[in-house]
Amino acid sequence: MNDSTLPLSTKLPGGKGKQPSRVKGSGVRRGFGLHDWMRLKSTAKDLAQRQGRPLRPITIEEVNEHSSVHNGWIVLHGKVYNITPYLHYHPGGLDILKPSLGKDCTVLFEKYHRWVNVEGLIGSLLLGTLEVDKGSIGHKEDDDGFQIPAPRTTHRAA
Protein backbone atom coordinates (compact mmCIF):
# COMPACT_ATOMS: atom_id res chain seq x y z
CA MET A 1 0.00 0.00 0.00
CA ASN A 2 1.47 3.37 -0.95
CA ASP A 3 0.84 6.80 0.58
CA SER A 4 -1.96 7.54 -1.89
CA THR A 5 -4.12 4.83 -0.30
CA LEU A 6 -3.75 6.09 3.27
CA PRO A 7 -6.59 8.19 4.65
CA LEU A 8 -5.90 11.90 4.61
CA SER A 9 -6.28 12.04 8.41
CA THR A 10 -3.20 9.81 8.94
CA LYS A 11 -0.79 11.72 6.73
CA LEU A 12 1.58 13.99 8.59
CA PRO A 13 4.33 16.28 7.26
CA GLY A 14 7.61 14.51 6.67
CA GLY A 15 5.94 11.32 5.46
CA LYS A 16 5.38 9.95 8.96
CA GLY A 17 1.90 9.15 10.14
CA LYS A 18 0.23 8.06 13.29
CA GLN A 19 -1.19 4.53 13.48
CA PRO A 20 -4.99 4.84 13.63
CA SER A 21 -6.74 2.91 16.40
CA ARG A 22 -9.51 0.41 15.67
CA VAL A 23 -13.14 1.45 15.66
CA LYS A 24 -14.82 -0.39 18.53
CA GLY A 25 -16.82 -3.42 17.36
CA SER A 26 -15.40 -3.65 13.83
CA GLY A 27 -12.31 -4.84 12.00
CA VAL A 28 -11.70 -1.38 10.57
CA ARG A 29 -9.14 1.08 11.91
CA ARG A 30 -10.06 4.74 12.40
CA GLY A 31 -9.66 6.61 9.15
CA PHE A 32 -10.45 3.50 7.09
CA GLY A 33 -14.26 3.66 7.04
CA LEU A 34 -16.59 3.81 4.04
CA HIS A 35 -16.60 7.61 4.06
CA ASP A 36 -12.78 7.62 4.00
CA TRP A 37 -12.76 5.13 1.10
CA MET A 38 -15.22 7.21 -0.92
CA ARG A 39 -13.13 10.35 -0.33
CA LEU A 40 -9.96 8.53 -1.39
CA LYS A 41 -11.69 7.08 -4.45
CA SER A 42 -12.85 10.53 -5.54
CA THR A 43 -9.42 12.17 -5.13
CA ALA A 44 -6.87 9.49 -6.03
CA LYS A 45 -5.68 8.85 -9.55
CA ASP A 46 -5.19 5.32 -10.88
CA LEU A 47 -6.13 3.30 -7.79
CA ALA A 48 -6.22 0.16 -9.98
CA GLN A 49 -2.56 0.84 -10.89
CA ARG A 50 -3.23 0.32 -14.62
CA GLN A 51 -0.84 3.20 -15.42
CA GLY A 52 -2.88 4.30 -18.43
CA ARG A 53 -3.17 0.82 -19.93
CA PRO A 54 -6.59 -0.14 -21.34
CA LEU A 55 -8.87 -2.78 -19.83
CA ARG A 56 -7.83 -6.23 -21.03
CA PRO A 57 -8.80 -9.91 -20.88
CA ILE A 58 -7.13 -11.64 -17.92
CA THR A 59 -6.85 -15.40 -17.35
CA ILE A 60 -7.76 -17.02 -14.03
CA GLU A 61 -4.16 -18.23 -13.81
CA GLU A 62 -2.95 -14.61 -13.82
CA VAL A 63 -5.54 -13.69 -11.19
CA ASN A 64 -4.28 -16.60 -9.03
CA GLU A 65 -0.78 -15.04 -9.05
CA HIS A 66 -2.13 -11.92 -7.29
CA SER A 67 -3.17 -13.40 -3.97
CA SER A 68 -1.29 -11.35 -1.38
CA VAL A 69 -2.37 -8.42 0.76
CA HIS A 70 0.16 -6.25 -1.07
CA ASN A 71 -1.01 -7.35 -4.52
CA GLY A 72 -4.55 -8.72 -4.38
CA TRP A 73 -6.87 -9.27 -7.33
CA ILE A 74 -10.34 -10.79 -7.32
CA VAL A 75 -12.95 -11.74 -9.90
CA LEU A 76 -16.55 -10.56 -9.48
CA HIS A 77 -19.15 -11.36 -12.14
CA GLY A 78 -16.46 -11.98 -14.75
CA LYS A 79 -14.60 -8.72 -14.08
CA VAL A 80 -11.11 -8.57 -12.55
CA TYR A 81 -10.40 -5.98 -9.85
CA ASN A 82 -7.17 -5.00 -8.09
CA ILE A 83 -8.63 -4.59 -4.60
CA THR A 84 -5.28 -3.98 -2.89
CA PRO A 85 -6.12 -0.32 -2.12
CA TYR A 86 -9.56 -1.27 -0.74
CA LEU A 87 -8.53 -4.16 1.56
CA HIS A 88 -8.02 -2.07 4.70
CA TYR A 89 -11.29 -0.20 4.11
CA HIS A 90 -13.50 -3.31 4.07
CA PRO A 91 -15.98 -3.10 6.97
CA GLY A 92 -15.39 -6.74 7.95
CA GLY A 93 -11.66 -6.14 8.14
CA LEU A 94 -8.73 -7.38 6.13
CA ASP A 95 -8.71 -10.96 7.43
CA ILE A 96 -12.12 -11.77 5.99
CA LEU A 97 -10.93 -10.86 2.46
CA LYS A 98 -7.56 -12.65 2.52
CA PRO A 99 -8.95 -16.09 1.52
CA SER A 100 -10.64 -14.54 -1.54
CA LEU A 101 -7.53 -12.89 -2.98
CA GLY A 102 -6.45 -14.36 -6.31
CA LYS A 103 -9.80 -16.10 -6.79
CA ASP A 104 -13.28 -15.72 -8.23
CA CYS A 105 -15.31 -14.64 -5.21
CA THR A 106 -18.60 -14.02 -7.03
CA VAL A 107 -20.50 -16.67 -5.07
CA LEU A 108 -19.35 -15.40 -1.67
CA PHE A 109 -20.04 -11.82 -2.70
CA GLU A 110 -23.56 -12.72 -3.83
CA LYS A 111 -24.14 -14.62 -0.60
CA TYR A 112 -23.22 -11.73 1.71
CA HIS A 113 -23.33 -8.53 -0.38
CA ARG A 114 -25.94 -9.02 -3.10
CA TRP A 115 -27.29 -5.47 -2.57
CA VAL A 116 -23.90 -3.74 -2.83
CA ASN A 117 -23.25 -1.63 -5.93
CA VAL A 118 -19.91 -3.08 -7.05
CA GLU A 119 -19.36 -0.40 -9.69
CA GLY A 120 -19.90 2.40 -7.18
CA LEU A 121 -17.69 0.82 -4.54
CA ILE A 122 -14.72 -0.63 -6.45
CA GLY A 123 -15.41 0.22 -10.10
CA SER A 124 -12.28 2.38 -10.22
CA LEU A 125 -10.21 -0.74 -9.38
CA LEU A 126 -11.24 -2.58 -12.56
CA LEU A 127 -8.37 -4.14 -14.52
CA GLY A 128 -10.28 -6.06 -17.19
CA THR A 129 -12.52 -9.02 -17.85
CA LEU A 130 -11.95 -12.66 -17.03
CA GLU A 131 -10.85 -14.61 -20.08
CA VAL A 132 -12.97 -17.73 -20.10
CA ASP A 133 -11.81 -21.03 -21.53
CA LYS A 134 -14.52 -21.91 -24.07
CA GLY A 135 -14.58 -25.53 -22.87
CA SER A 136 -15.27 -24.61 -19.23
CA ILE A 137 -18.31 -22.37 -19.63
CA GLY A 138 -21.06 -23.39 -17.25
CA HIS A 139 -21.19 -24.02 -13.54
CA LYS A 140 -18.42 -25.49 -11.46
CA GLU A 141 -17.79 -25.70 -7.74
CA ASP A 142 -15.16 -23.82 -5.78
CA ASP A 143 -13.22 -25.10 -2.76
CA ASP A 144 -16.07 -24.25 -0.37
CA GLY A 145 -18.65 -26.26 -2.31
CA PHE A 146 -20.37 -23.13 -3.66
CA GLN A 147 -21.30 -23.11 -7.30
CA ILE A 148 -19.43 -20.54 -9.36
CA PRO A 149 -21.69 -19.17 -12.08
CA ALA A 150 -20.39 -18.55 -15.57
CA PRO A 151 -19.47 -14.89 -16.14
CA ARG A 152 -22.33 -12.65 -17.19
CA THR A 153 -22.33 -11.75 -20.85
CA THR A 154 -24.05 -8.88 -22.55
CA HIS A 155 -25.98 -9.83 -25.64
CA ARG A 156 -26.60 -7.05 -28.09
CA ALA A 157 -29.10 -7.25 -30.89
CA ALA A 158 -27.54 -6.93 -34.33
C-alpha atoms as a PDB file:
ATOM      1  CA  MET A   1       0.000   0.000   0.000  1.00  0.00           C
ATOM      2  CA  ASN A   2       1.474   3.366  -0.953  1.00  0.00           C
ATOM      3  CA  ASP A   3       0.839   6.800   0.582  1.00  0.00           C
ATOM      4  CA  SER A   4      -1.961   7.544  -1.888  1.00  0.00           C
ATOM      5  CA  THR A   5      -4.121   4.829  -0.296  1.00  0.00           C
ATOM      6  CA  LEU A   6      -3.746   6.094   3.267  1.00  0.00           C
ATOM      7  CA  PRO A   7      -6.591   8.193   4.647  1.00  0.00           C
ATOM      8  CA  LEU A   8      -5.895  11.899   4.611  1.00  0.00           C
ATOM      9  CA  SER A   9      -6.280  12.042   8.406  1.00  0.00           C
ATOM     10  CA  THR A  10      -3.205   9.812   8.939  1.00  0.00           C
ATOM     11  CA  LYS A  11      -0.794  11.721   6.727  1.00  0.00           C
ATOM     12  CA  LEU A  12       1.581  13.987   8.594  1.00  0.00           C
ATOM     13  CA  PRO A  13       4.331  16.285   7.262  1.00  0.00           C
ATOM     14  CA  GLY A  14       7.615  14.506   6.673  1.00  0.00           C
ATOM     15  CA  GLY A  15       5.935  11.319   5.457  1.00  0.00           C
ATOM     16  CA  LYS A  16       5.380   9.948   8.959  1.00  0.00           C
ATOM     17  CA  GLY A  17       1.900   9.153  10.141  1.00  0.00           C
ATOM     18  CA  LYS A  18       0.228   8.060  13.291  1.00  0.00           C
ATOM     19  CA  GLN A  19      -1.192   4.535  13.479  1.00  0.00           C
ATOM     20  CA  PRO A  20      -4.988   4.845  13.634  1.00  0.00           C
ATOM     21  CA  SER A  21      -6.739   2.908  16.396  1.00  0.00           C
ATOM     22  CA  ARG A  22      -9.509   0.406  15.670  1.00  0.00           C
ATOM     23  CA  VAL A  23     -13.144   1.449  15.660  1.00  0.00           C
ATOM     24  CA  LYS A  24     -14.820  -0.389  18.529  1.00  0.00           C
ATOM     25  CA  GLY A  25     -16.823  -3.422  17.360  1.00  0.00           C
ATOM     26  CA  SER A  26     -15.403  -3.652  13.834  1.00  0.00           C
ATOM     27  CA  GLY A  27     -12.310  -4.840  11.996  1.00  0.00           C
ATOM     28  CA  VAL A  28     -11.696  -1.378  10.568  1.00  0.00           C
ATOM     29  CA  ARG A  29      -9.144   1.084  11.911  1.00  0.00           C
ATOM     30  CA  ARG A  30     -10.058   4.743  12.398  1.00  0.00           C
ATOM     31  CA  GLY A  31      -9.656   6.612   9.147  1.00  0.00           C
ATOM     32  CA  PHE A  32     -10.449   3.498   7.093  1.00  0.00           C
ATOM     33  CA  GLY A  33     -14.262   3.655   7.038  1.00  0.00           C
ATOM     34  CA  LEU A  34     -16.591   3.808   4.037  1.00  0.00           C
ATOM     35  CA  HIS A  35     -16.596   7.608   4.058  1.00  0.00           C
ATOM     36  CA  ASP A  36     -12.778   7.620   4.004  1.00  0.00           C
ATOM     37  CA  TRP A  37     -12.761   5.126   1.097  1.00  0.00           C
ATOM     38  CA  MET A  38     -15.217   7.206  -0.918  1.00  0.00           C
ATOM     39  CA  ARG A  39     -13.133  10.347  -0.327  1.00  0.00           C
ATOM     40  CA  LEU A  40      -9.963   8.534  -1.388  1.00  0.00           C
ATOM     41  CA  LYS A  41     -11.692   7.081  -4.447  1.00  0.00           C
ATOM     42  CA  SER A  42     -12.849  10.527  -5.537  1.00  0.00           C
ATOM     43  CA  THR A  43      -9.425  12.168  -5.132  1.00  0.00           C
ATOM     44  CA  ALA A  44      -6.866   9.489  -6.028  1.00  0.00           C
ATOM     45  CA  LYS A  45      -5.678   8.850  -9.548  1.00  0.00           C
ATOM     46  CA  ASP A  46      -5.190   5.315 -10.876  1.00  0.00           C
ATOM     47  CA  LEU A  47      -6.127   3.297  -7.792  1.00  0.00           C
ATOM     48  CA  ALA A  48      -6.215   0.164  -9.984  1.00  0.00           C
ATOM     49  CA  GLN A  49      -2.562   0.843 -10.891  1.00  0.00           C
ATOM     50  CA  ARG A  50      -3.227   0.322 -14.620  1.00  0.00           C
ATOM     51  CA  GLN A  51      -0.837   3.199 -15.422  1.00  0.00           C
ATOM     52  CA  GLY A  52      -2.878   4.300 -18.434  1.00  0.00           C
ATOM     53  CA  ARG A  53      -3.173   0.820 -19.926  1.00  0.00           C
ATOM     54  CA  PRO A  54      -6.592  -0.140 -21.337  1.00  0.00           C
ATOM     55  CA  LEU A  55      -8.867  -2.784 -19.831  1.00  0.00           C
ATOM     56  CA  ARG A  56      -7.829  -6.226 -21.032  1.00  0.00           C
ATOM     57  CA  PRO A  57      -8.796  -9.905 -20.882  1.00  0.00           C
ATOM     58  CA  ILE A  58      -7.135 -11.645 -17.922  1.00  0.00           C
ATOM     59  CA  THR A  59      -6.849 -15.397 -17.346  1.00  0.00           C
ATOM     60  CA  ILE A  60      -7.764 -17.020 -14.034  1.00  0.00           C
ATOM     61  CA  GLU A  61      -4.155 -18.229 -13.813  1.00  0.00           C
ATOM     62  CA  GLU A  62      -2.950 -14.613 -13.819  1.00  0.00           C
ATOM     63  CA  VAL A  63      -5.543 -13.692 -11.194  1.00  0.00           C
ATOM     64  CA  ASN A  64      -4.285 -16.602  -9.025  1.00  0.00           C
ATOM     65  CA  GLU A  65      -0.781 -15.043  -9.047  1.00  0.00           C
ATOM     66  CA  HIS A  66      -2.130 -11.923  -7.293  1.00  0.00           C
ATOM     67  CA  SER A  67      -3.168 -13.401  -3.966  1.00  0.00           C
ATOM     68  CA  SER A  68      -1.287 -11.353  -1.378  1.00  0.00           C
ATOM     69  CA  VAL A  69      -2.366  -8.418   0.761  1.00  0.00           C
ATOM     70  CA  HIS A  70       0.161  -6.255  -1.067  1.00  0.00           C
ATOM     71  CA  ASN A  71      -1.010  -7.351  -4.518  1.00  0.00           C
ATOM     72  CA  GLY A  72      -4.548  -8.720  -4.385  1.00  0.00           C
ATOM     73  CA  TRP A  73      -6.872  -9.271  -7.328  1.00  0.00           C
ATOM     74  CA  ILE A  74     -10.340 -10.791  -7.315  1.00  0.00           C
ATOM     75  CA  VAL A  75     -12.952 -11.738  -9.902  1.00  0.00           C
ATOM     76  CA  LEU A  76     -16.552 -10.559  -9.478  1.00  0.00           C
ATOM     77  CA  HIS A  77     -19.149 -11.361 -12.142  1.00  0.00           C
ATOM     78  CA  GLY A  78     -16.462 -11.981 -14.754  1.00  0.00           C
ATOM     79  CA  LYS A  79     -14.599  -8.724 -14.075  1.00  0.00           C
ATOM     80  CA  VAL A  80     -11.113  -8.569 -12.546  1.00  0.00           C
ATOM     81  CA  TYR A  81     -10.399  -5.984  -9.853  1.00  0.00           C
ATOM     82  CA  ASN A  82      -7.173  -5.001  -8.091  1.00  0.00           C
ATOM     83  CA  ILE A  83      -8.625  -4.590  -4.598  1.00  0.00           C
ATOM     84  CA  THR A  84      -5.278  -3.976  -2.891  1.00  0.00           C
ATOM     85  CA  PRO A  85      -6.119  -0.320  -2.120  1.00  0.00           C
ATOM     86  CA  TYR A  86      -9.557  -1.274  -0.738  1.00  0.00           C
ATOM     87  CA  LEU A  87      -8.533  -4.157   1.555  1.00  0.00           C
ATOM     88  CA  HIS A  88      -8.023  -2.071   4.699  1.00  0.00           C
ATOM     89  CA  TYR A  89     -11.290  -0.201   4.115  1.00  0.00           C
ATOM     90  CA  HIS A  90     -13.503  -3.312   4.070  1.00  0.00           C
ATOM     91  CA  PRO A  91     -15.985  -3.095   6.969  1.00  0.00           C
ATOM     92  CA  GLY A  92     -15.388  -6.737   7.949  1.00  0.00           C
ATOM     93  CA  GLY A  93     -11.659  -6.140   8.137  1.00  0.00           C
ATOM     94  CA  LEU A  94      -8.728  -7.381   6.130  1.00  0.00           C
ATOM     95  CA  ASP A  95      -8.708 -10.958   7.428  1.00  0.00           C
ATOM     96  CA  ILE A  96     -12.118 -11.772   5.992  1.00  0.00           C
ATOM     97  CA  LEU A  97     -10.934 -10.859   2.459  1.00  0.00           C
ATOM     98  CA  LYS A  98      -7.564 -12.645   2.525  1.00  0.00           C
ATOM     99  CA  PRO A  99      -8.950 -16.088   1.517  1.00  0.00           C
ATOM    100  CA  SER A 100     -10.638 -14.540  -1.545  1.00  0.00           C
ATOM    101  CA  LEU A 101      -7.525 -12.893  -2.981  1.00  0.00           C
ATOM    102  CA  GLY A 102      -6.448 -14.356  -6.306  1.00  0.00           C
ATOM    103  CA  LYS A 103      -9.805 -16.097  -6.788  1.00  0.00           C
ATOM    104  CA  ASP A 104     -13.281 -15.725  -8.227  1.00  0.00           C
ATOM    105  CA  CYS A 105     -15.314 -14.641  -5.211  1.00  0.00           C
ATOM    106  CA  THR A 106     -18.603 -14.024  -7.027  1.00  0.00           C
ATOM    107  CA  VAL A 107     -20.503 -16.671  -5.066  1.00  0.00           C
ATOM    108  CA  LEU A 108     -19.352 -15.400  -1.674  1.00  0.00           C
ATOM    109  CA  PHE A 109     -20.038 -11.817  -2.699  1.00  0.00           C
ATOM    110  CA  GLU A 110     -23.558 -12.721  -3.834  1.00  0.00           C
ATOM    111  CA  LYS A 111     -24.142 -14.615  -0.595  1.00  0.00           C
ATOM    112  CA  TYR A 112     -23.221 -11.725   1.712  1.00  0.00           C
ATOM    113  CA  HIS A 113     -23.333  -8.526  -0.379  1.00  0.00           C
ATOM    114  CA  ARG A 114     -25.937  -9.018  -3.103  1.00  0.00           C
ATOM    115  CA  TRP A 115     -27.290  -5.474  -2.572  1.00  0.00           C
ATOM    116  CA  VAL A 116     -23.898  -3.737  -2.833  1.00  0.00           C
ATOM    117  CA  ASN A 117     -23.247  -1.626  -5.926  1.00  0.00           C
ATOM    118  CA  VAL A 118     -19.909  -3.075  -7.049  1.00  0.00           C
ATOM    119  CA  GLU A 119     -19.362  -0.399  -9.686  1.00  0.00           C
ATOM    120  CA  GLY A 120     -19.896   2.401  -7.181  1.00  0.00           C
ATOM    121  CA  LEU A 121     -17.690   0.815  -4.536  1.00  0.00           C
ATOM    122  CA  ILE A 122     -14.720  -0.632  -6.445  1.00  0.00           C
ATOM    123  CA  GLY A 123     -15.407   0.216 -10.097  1.00  0.00           C
ATOM    124  CA  SER A 124     -12.282   2.385 -10.218  1.00  0.00           C
ATOM    125  CA  LEU A 125     -10.210  -0.738  -9.385  1.00  0.00           C
ATOM    126  CA  LEU A 126     -11.240  -2.580 -12.565  1.00  0.00           C
ATOM    127  CA  LEU A 127      -8.367  -4.137 -14.524  1.00  0.00           C
ATOM    128  CA  GLY A 128     -10.281  -6.063 -17.191  1.00  0.00           C
ATOM    129  CA  THR A 129     -12.524  -9.025 -17.851  1.00  0.00           C
ATOM    130  CA  LEU A 130     -11.951 -12.656 -17.028  1.00  0.00           C
ATOM    131  CA  GLU A 131     -10.847 -14.606 -20.079  1.00  0.00           C
ATOM    132  CA  VAL A 132     -12.971 -17.725 -20.104  1.00  0.00           C
ATOM    133  CA  ASP A 133     -11.814 -21.033 -21.525  1.00  0.00           C
ATOM    134  CA  LYS A 134     -14.519 -21.909 -24.074  1.00  0.00           C
ATOM    135  CA  GLY A 135     -14.582 -25.531 -22.867  1.00  0.00           C
ATOM    136  CA  SER A 136     -15.274 -24.614 -19.233  1.00  0.00           C
ATOM    137  CA  ILE A 137     -18.307 -22.371 -19.630  1.00  0.00           C
ATOM    138  CA  GLY A 138     -21.060 -23.387 -17.254  1.00  0.00           C
ATOM    139  CA  HIS A 139     -21.191 -24.015 -13.544  1.00  0.00           C
ATOM    140  CA  LYS A 140     -18.420 -25.486 -11.459  1.00  0.00           C
ATOM    141  CA  GLU A 141     -17.794 -25.704  -7.738  1.00  0.00           C
ATOM    142  CA  ASP A 142     -15.156 -23.818  -5.782  1.00  0.00           C
ATOM    143  CA  ASP A 143     -13.219 -25.102  -2.758  1.00  0.00           C
ATOM    144  CA  ASP A 144     -16.072 -24.248  -0.372  1.00  0.00           C
ATOM    145  CA  GLY A 145     -18.653 -26.259  -2.311  1.00  0.00           C
ATOM    146  CA  PHE A 146     -20.367 -23.125  -3.659  1.00  0.00           C
ATOM    147  CA  GLN A 147     -21.304 -23.113  -7.300  1.00  0.00           C
ATOM    148  CA  ILE A 148     -19.428 -20.535  -9.359  1.00  0.00           C
ATOM    149  CA  PRO A 149     -21.688 -19.169 -12.083  1.00  0.00           C
ATOM    150  CA  ALA A 150     -20.393 -18.552 -15.569  1.00  0.00           C
ATOM    151  CA  PRO A 151     -19.470 -14.885 -16.139  1.00  0.00           C
ATOM    152  CA  ARG A 152     -22.328 -12.647 -17.193  1.00  0.00           C
ATOM    153  CA  THR A 153     -22.328 -11.750 -20.851  1.00  0.00           C
ATOM    154  CA  THR A 154     -24.052  -8.880 -22.550  1.00  0.00           C
ATOM    155  CA  HIS A 155     -25.982  -9.833 -25.644  1.00  0.00           C
ATOM    156  CA  ARG A 156     -26.602  -7.045 -28.095  1.00  0.00           C
ATOM    157  CA  ALA A 157     -29.096  -7.247 -30.886  1.00  0.00           C
ATOM    158  CA  ALA A 158     -27.538  -6.930 -34.330  1.00  0.00           C
END
